[in-house]
Amino acid sequence: MPLYGALILFTIFAANVVLGAMSNAAFLSDVGEMLVLWGVAVLFVIVVLKKEADARK
């Protein structure tokens, strides 16, 4: 489930970057972008740690 959350957040970030580059209509501020990317990183780390724990069992 956290992997889907990371994918959704990254999609939001990518859409913001594309909109900002194409039509200067970005909907996230700099701080918003940072928080979205931080959320992606945290969720991805959770997924990796869960996979490692499952592999050790």
PDB file of N, CA and C in Angstrom:
ATOM      1  N   MET A   1       0.801  -1.205   0.000  1.00  0.00           N
ATOM      2  CA  MET A   1       0.000   0.000   0.000  1.00  0.00           C
ATOM      3  C   MET A   1       0.851   1.280   0.000  1.00  0.00           C
ATOM      4  N   PRO A   2       1.949   1.329   0.774  1.00  0.00           N
ATOM      5  CA  PRO A   2       2.767   2.545   0.718  1.00  0.00           C
ATOM      6  C   PRO A   2       3.377   2.787  -0.664  1.00  0.00           C
ATOM      7  N   LEU A   3       3.581   1.719  -1.420  1.00  0.00           N
ATOM      8  CA  LEU A   3       4.130   1.893  -2.763  1.00  0.00           C
ATOM      9  C   LEU A   3       3.143   2.641  -3.661  1.00  0.00           C
ATOM     10  N   TYR A   4       1.862   2.340  -3.513  1.00  0.00           N
ATOM     11  CA  TYR A   4       0.844   3.062  -4.283  1.00  0.00           C
ATOM     12  C   TYR A   4       0.789   4.527  -3.865  1.00  0.00           C
ATOM     13  N   GLY A   5       0.942   4.780  -2.582  1.00  0.00           N
ATOM     14  CA  GLY A   5       0.976   6.158  -2.102  1.00  0.00           C
ATOM     15  C   GLY A   5       2.148   6.921  -2.676  1.00  0.00           C
ATOM     16  N   ALA A   6       3.320   6.272  -2.718  1.00  0.00           N
ATOM     17  CA  ALA A   6       4.504   6.905  -3.307  1.00  0.00           C
ATOM     18  C   ALA A   6       4.281   7.180  -4.789  1.00  0.00           C
ATOM     19  N   LEU A   7       3.652   6.247  -5.478  1.00  0.00           N
ATOM     20  CA  LEU A   7       3.376   6.432  -6.904  1.00  0.00           C
ATOM     21  C   LEU A   7       2.419   7.599  -7.130  1.00  0.00           C
ATOM     22  N   ILE A   8       1.396   7.701  -6.308  1.00  0.00           N
ATOM     23  CA  ILE A   8       0.427   8.799  -6.436  1.00  0.00           C
ATOM     24  C   ILE A   8       1.108  10.143  -6.174  1.00  0.00           C
ATOM     25  N   LEU A   9       1.897  10.204  -5.099  1.00  0.00           N
ATOM     26  CA  LEU A   9       2.585  11.456  -4.789  1.00  0.00           C
ATOM     27  C   LEU A   9       3.575  11.837  -5.883  1.00  0.00           C
ATOM     28  N   PHE A  10       4.286  10.859  -6.425  1.00  0.00           N
ATOM     29  CA  PHE A  10       5.237  11.169  -7.497  1.00  0.00           C
ATOM     30  C   PHE A  10       4.507  11.620  -8.751  1.00  0.00           C
ATOM     31  N   THR A  11       3.345  11.054  -9.020  1.00  0.00           N
ATOM     32  CA  THR A  11       2.544  11.484 -10.167  1.00  0.00           C
ATOM     33  C   THR A  11       2.101  12.932  -9.997  1.00  0.00           C
ATOM     34  N   ILE A  12       1.715  13.298  -8.776  1.00  0.00           N
ATOM     35  CA  ILE A  12       1.346  14.691  -8.495  1.00  0.00           C
ATOM     36  C   ILE A  12       2.540  15.609  -8.739  1.00  0.00           C
ATOM     37  N   PHE A  13       3.713  15.201  -8.256  1.00  0.00           N
ATOM     38  CA  PHE A  13       4.921  16.002  -8.463  1.00  0.00           C
ATOM     39  C   PHE A  13       5.230  16.143  -9.949  1.00  0.00           C
ATOM     40  N   ALA A  14       5.178  15.045 -10.683  1.00  0.00           N
ATOM     41  CA  ALA A  14       5.492  15.073 -12.116  1.00  0.00           C
ATOM     42  C   ALA A  14       4.494  15.955 -12.874  1.00  0.00           C
ATOM     43  N   ALA A  15       3.214  15.866 -12.519  1.00  0.00           N
ATOM     44  CA  ALA A  15       2.210  16.711 -13.172  1.00  0.00           C
ATOM     45  C   ALA A  15       2.484  18.183 -12.896  1.00  0.00           C
ATOM     46  N   ASN A  16       2.894  18.496 -11.685  1.00  0.00           N
ATOM     47  CA  ASN A  16       3.222  19.875 -11.346  1.00  0.00           C
ATOM     48  C   ASN A  16       4.409  20.375 -12.167  1.00  0.00           C
ATOM     49  N   VAL A  17       5.423  19.541 -12.316  1.00  0.00           N
ATOM     50  CA  VAL A  17       6.598  19.933 -13.101  1.00  0.00           C
ATOM     51  C   VAL A  17       6.231  20.133 -14.561  1.00  0.00           C
ATOM     52  N   VAL A  18       5.446  19.231 -15.116  1.00  0.00           N
ATOM     53  CA  VAL A  18       5.053  19.341 -16.526  1.00  0.00           C
ATOM     54  C   VAL A  18       4.205  20.590 -16.744  1.00  0.00           C
ATOM     55  N   LEU A  19       3.230  20.829 -15.878  1.00  0.00           N
ATOM     56  CA  LEU A  19       2.400  22.025 -16.020  1.00  0.00           C
ATOM     57  C   LEU A  19       3.220  23.298 -15.865  1.00  0.00           C
ATOM     58  N   GLY A  20       4.165  23.280 -14.948  1.00  0.00           N
ATOM     59  CA  GLY A  20       5.011  24.448 -14.770  1.00  0.00           C
ATOM     60  C   GLY A  20       5.910  24.711 -15.966  1.00  0.00           C
ATOM     61  N   ALA A  21       6.400  23.659 -16.591  1.00  0.00           N
ATOM     62  CA  ALA A  21       7.289  23.813 -17.744  1.00  0.00           C
ATOM     63  C   ALA A  21       6.523  24.196 -19.011  1.00  0.00           C
ATOM     64  N   MET A  22       5.350  23.634 -19.178  1.00  0.00           N
ATOM     65  CA  MET A  22       4.595  23.851 -20.416  1.00  0.00           C
ATOM     66  C   MET A  22       3.841  25.174 -20.426  1.00  0.00           C
ATOM     67  N   SER A  23       3.145  25.480 -19.343  1.00  0.00           N
ATOM     68  CA  SER A  23       2.259  26.648 -19.386  1.00  0.00           C
ATOM     69  C   SER A  23       2.407  27.570 -18.187  1.00  0.00           C
ATOM     70  N   ASN A  24       3.464  27.384 -17.408  1.00  0.00           N
ATOM     71  CA  ASN A  24       3.694  28.215 -16.225  1.00  0.00           C
ATOM     72  C   ASN A  24       2.481  28.203 -15.292  1.00  0.00           C
ATOM     73  N   ALA A  25       1.858  27.039 -15.140  1.00  0.00           N
ATOM     74  CA  ALA A  25       0.662  26.906 -14.319  1.00  0.00           C
ATOM     75  C   ALA A  25       0.870  25.880 -13.208  1.00  0.00           C
ATOM     76  N   ALA A  26       2.034  25.890 -12.588  1.00  0.00           N
ATOM     77  CA  ALA A  26       2.313  24.941 -11.509  1.00  0.00           C
ATOM     78  C   ALA A  26       1.369  25.211 -10.341  1.00  0.00           C
ATOM     79  N   PHE A  27       0.867  24.164  -9.735  1.00  0.00           N
ATOM     80  CA  PHE A  27      -0.094  24.324  -8.646  1.00  0.00           C
ATOM     81  C   PHE A  27       0.523  24.110  -7.271  1.00  0.00           C
ATOM     82  N   LEU A  28       1.795  23.729  -7.209  1.00  0.00           N
ATOM     83  CA  LEU A  28       2.492  23.578  -5.931  1.00  0.00           C
ATOM     84  C   LEU A  28       3.574  24.642  -5.805  1.00  0.00           C
ATOM     85  N   SER A  29       3.746  25.130  -4.599  1.00  0.00           N
ATOM     86  CA  SER A  29       4.845  26.058  -4.347  1.00  0.00           C
ATOM     87  C   SER A  29       6.137  25.263  -4.176  1.00  0.00           C
ATOM     88  N   ASP A  30       7.223  25.963  -3.943  1.00  0.00           N
ATOM     89  CA  ASP A  30       8.496  25.282  -3.716  1.00  0.00           C
ATOM     90  C   ASP A  30       8.430  24.392  -2.475  1.00  0.00           C
ATOM     91  N   VAL A  31       7.803  24.907  -1.435  1.00  0.00           N
ATOM     92  CA  VAL A  31       7.667  24.123  -0.203  1.00  0.00           C
ATOM     93  C   VAL A  31       6.741  22.929  -0.439  1.00  0.00           C
ATOM     94  N   GLY A  32       5.697  23.114  -1.213  1.00  0.00           N
ATOM     95  CA  GLY A  32       4.802  22.011  -1.549  1.00  0.00           C
ATOM     96  C   GLY A  32       5.501  20.915  -2.310  1.00  0.00           C
ATOM     97  N   GLU A  33       6.340  21.308  -3.270  1.00  0.00           N
ATOM     98  CA  GLU A  33       7.112  20.312  -4.012  1.00  0.00           C
ATOM     99  C   GLU A  33       8.040  19.541  -3.091  1.00  0.00           C
ATOM    100  N   MET A  34       8.691  20.266  -2.172  1.00  0.00           N
ATOM    101  CA  MET A  34       9.613  19.618  -1.241  1.00  0.00           C
ATOM    102  C   MET A  34       8.863  18.607  -0.372  1.00  0.00           C
ATOM    103  N   LEU A  35       7.693  18.986   0.119  1.00  0.00           N
ATOM    104  CA  LEU A  35       6.926  18.086   0.985  1.00  0.00           C
ATOM    105  C   LEU A  35       6.427  16.859   0.228  1.00  0.00           C
ATOM    106  N   VAL A  36       6.029  17.048  -1.018  1.00  0.00           N
ATOM    107  CA  VAL A  36       5.581  15.906  -1.829  1.00  0.00           C
ATOM    108  C   VAL A  36       6.739  14.946  -2.064  1.00  0.00           C
ATOM    109  N   LEU A  37       7.902  15.468  -2.435  1.00  0.00           N
ATOM    110  CA  LEU A  37       9.060  14.599  -2.654  1.00  0.00           C
ATOM    111  C   LEU A  37       9.509  13.932  -1.362  1.00  0.00           C
ATOM    112  N   TRP A  38       9.414  14.641  -0.244  1.00  0.00           N
ATOM    113  CA  TRP A  38       9.746  14.051   1.045  1.00  0.00           C
ATOM    114  C   TRP A  38       8.794  12.890   1.344  1.00  0.00           C
ATOM    115  N   GLY A  39       7.513  13.075   1.060  1.00  0.00           N
ATOM    116  CA  GLY A  39       6.543  12.002   1.261  1.00  0.00           C
ATOM    117  C   GLY A  39       6.842  10.791   0.397  1.00  0.00           C
ATOM    118  N   VAL A  40       7.240  11.022  -0.846  1.00  0.00           N
ATOM    119  CA  VAL A  40       7.608   9.926  -1.741  1.00  0.00           C
ATOM    120  C   VAL A  40       8.784   9.157  -1.165  1.00  0.00           C
ATOM    121  N   ALA A  41       9.792   9.878  -0.708  1.00  0.00           N
ATOM    122  CA  ALA A  41      10.990   9.228  -0.171  1.00  0.00           C
ATOM    123  C   ALA A  41      10.662   8.410   1.071  1.00  0.00           C
ATOM    124  N   VAL A  42       9.862   8.958   1.972  1.00  0.00           N
ATOM    125  CA  VAL A  42       9.502   8.246   3.203  1.00  0.00           C
ATOM    126  C   VAL A  42       8.710   6.983   2.887  1.00  0.00           C
ATOM    127  N   LEU A  43       7.738   7.099   2.005  1.00  0.00           N
ATOM    128  CA  LEU A  43       6.931   5.924   1.661  1.00  0.00           C
ATOM    129  C   LEU A  43       7.772   4.864   0.956  1.00  0.00           C
ATOM    130  N   PHE A  44       8.698   5.294   0.104  1.00  0.00           N
ATOM    131  CA  PHE A  44       9.549   4.336  -0.588  1.00  0.00           C
ATOM    132  C   PHE A  44      10.472   3.617   0.391  1.00  0.00           C
ATOM    133  N   VAL A  45      11.000   4.328   1.366  1.00  0.00           N
ATOM    134  CA  VAL A  45      11.847   3.703   2.386  1.00  0.00           C
ATOM    135  C   VAL A  45      11.045   2.690   3.193  1.00  0.00           C
ATOM    136  N   ILE A  46       9.806   3.016   3.515  1.00  0.00           N
ATOM    137  CA  ILE A  46       8.943   2.071   4.236  1.00  0.00           C
ATOM    138  C   ILE A  46       8.776   0.789   3.431  1.00  0.00           C
ATOM    139  N   VAL A  47       8.548   0.923   2.131  1.00  0.00           N
ATOM    140  CA  VAL A  47       8.379  -0.257   1.270  1.00  0.00           C
ATOM    141  C   VAL A  47       9.651  -1.101   1.257  1.00  0.00           C
ATOM    142  N   VAL A  48      10.799  -0.455   1.120  1.00  0.00           N
ATOM    143  CA  VAL A  48      12.065  -1.192   1.068  1.00  0.00           C
ATOM    144  C   VAL A  48      12.316  -1.921   2.383  1.00  0.00           C
ATOM    145  N   LEU A  49      12.079  -1.256   3.507  1.00  0.00           N
ATOM    146  CA  LEU A  49      12.291  -1.891   4.805  1.00  0.00           C
ATOM    147  C   LEU A  49      11.337  -3.076   5.025  1.00  0.00           C
ATOM    148  N   LYS A  50      10.108  -2.951   4.570  1.00  0.00           N
ATOM    149  CA  LYS A  50       9.158  -4.075   4.681  1.00  0.00           C
ATOM    150  C   LYS A  50       9.611  -5.252   3.833  1.00  0.00           C
ATOM    151  N   LYS A  51      10.099  -4.968   2.615  1.00  0.00           N
ATOM    152  CA  LYS A  51      10.577  -6.044   1.744  1.00  0.00           C
ATOM    153  C   LYS A  51      11.780  -6.756   2.362  1.00  0.00           C
ATOM    154  N   GLU A  52      12.684  -6.000   2.969  1.00  0.00           N
ATOM    155  CA  GLU A  52      13.849  -6.610   3.629  1.00  0.00           C
ATOM    156  C   GLU A  52      13.415  -7.467   4.802  1.00  0.00           C
ATOM    157  N   ALA A  53      12.443  -7.006   5.578  1.00  0.00           N
ATOM    158  CA  ALA A  53      11.973  -7.777   6.720  1.00  0.00           C
ATOM    159  C   ALA A  53      11.311  -9.071   6.255  1.00  0.00           C
ATOM    160  N   ASP A  54      10.559  -8.999   5.161  1.00  0.00           N
ATOM    161  CA  ASP A  54       9.926 -10.211   4.626  1.00  0.00           C
ATOM    162  C   ASP A  54      10.963 -11.195   4.084  1.00  0.00           C
ATOM    163  N   ALA A  55      12.030 -10.674   3.500  1.00  0.00           N
ATOM    164  CA  ALA A  55      13.065 -11.540   2.941  1.00  0.00           C
ATOM    165  C   ALA A  55      13.837 -12.278   4.032  1.00  0.00           C
ATOM    166  N   ARG A  56      13.954 -11.697   5.215  1.00  0.00           N
ATOM    167  CA  ARG A  56      14.672 -12.341   6.303  1.00  0.00           C
ATOM    168  C   ARG A  56      13.866 -13.443   6.980  1.00  0.00           C
ATOM    169  N   LYS A  57      12.563 -13.434   6.804  1.00  0.00           N
ATOM    170  CA  LYS A  57      11.723 -14.447   7.447  1.00  0.00           C
ATOM    171  C   LYS A  57      11.846 -15.791   6.770  1.00  0.00           C
TER     172      LYS A  57
END
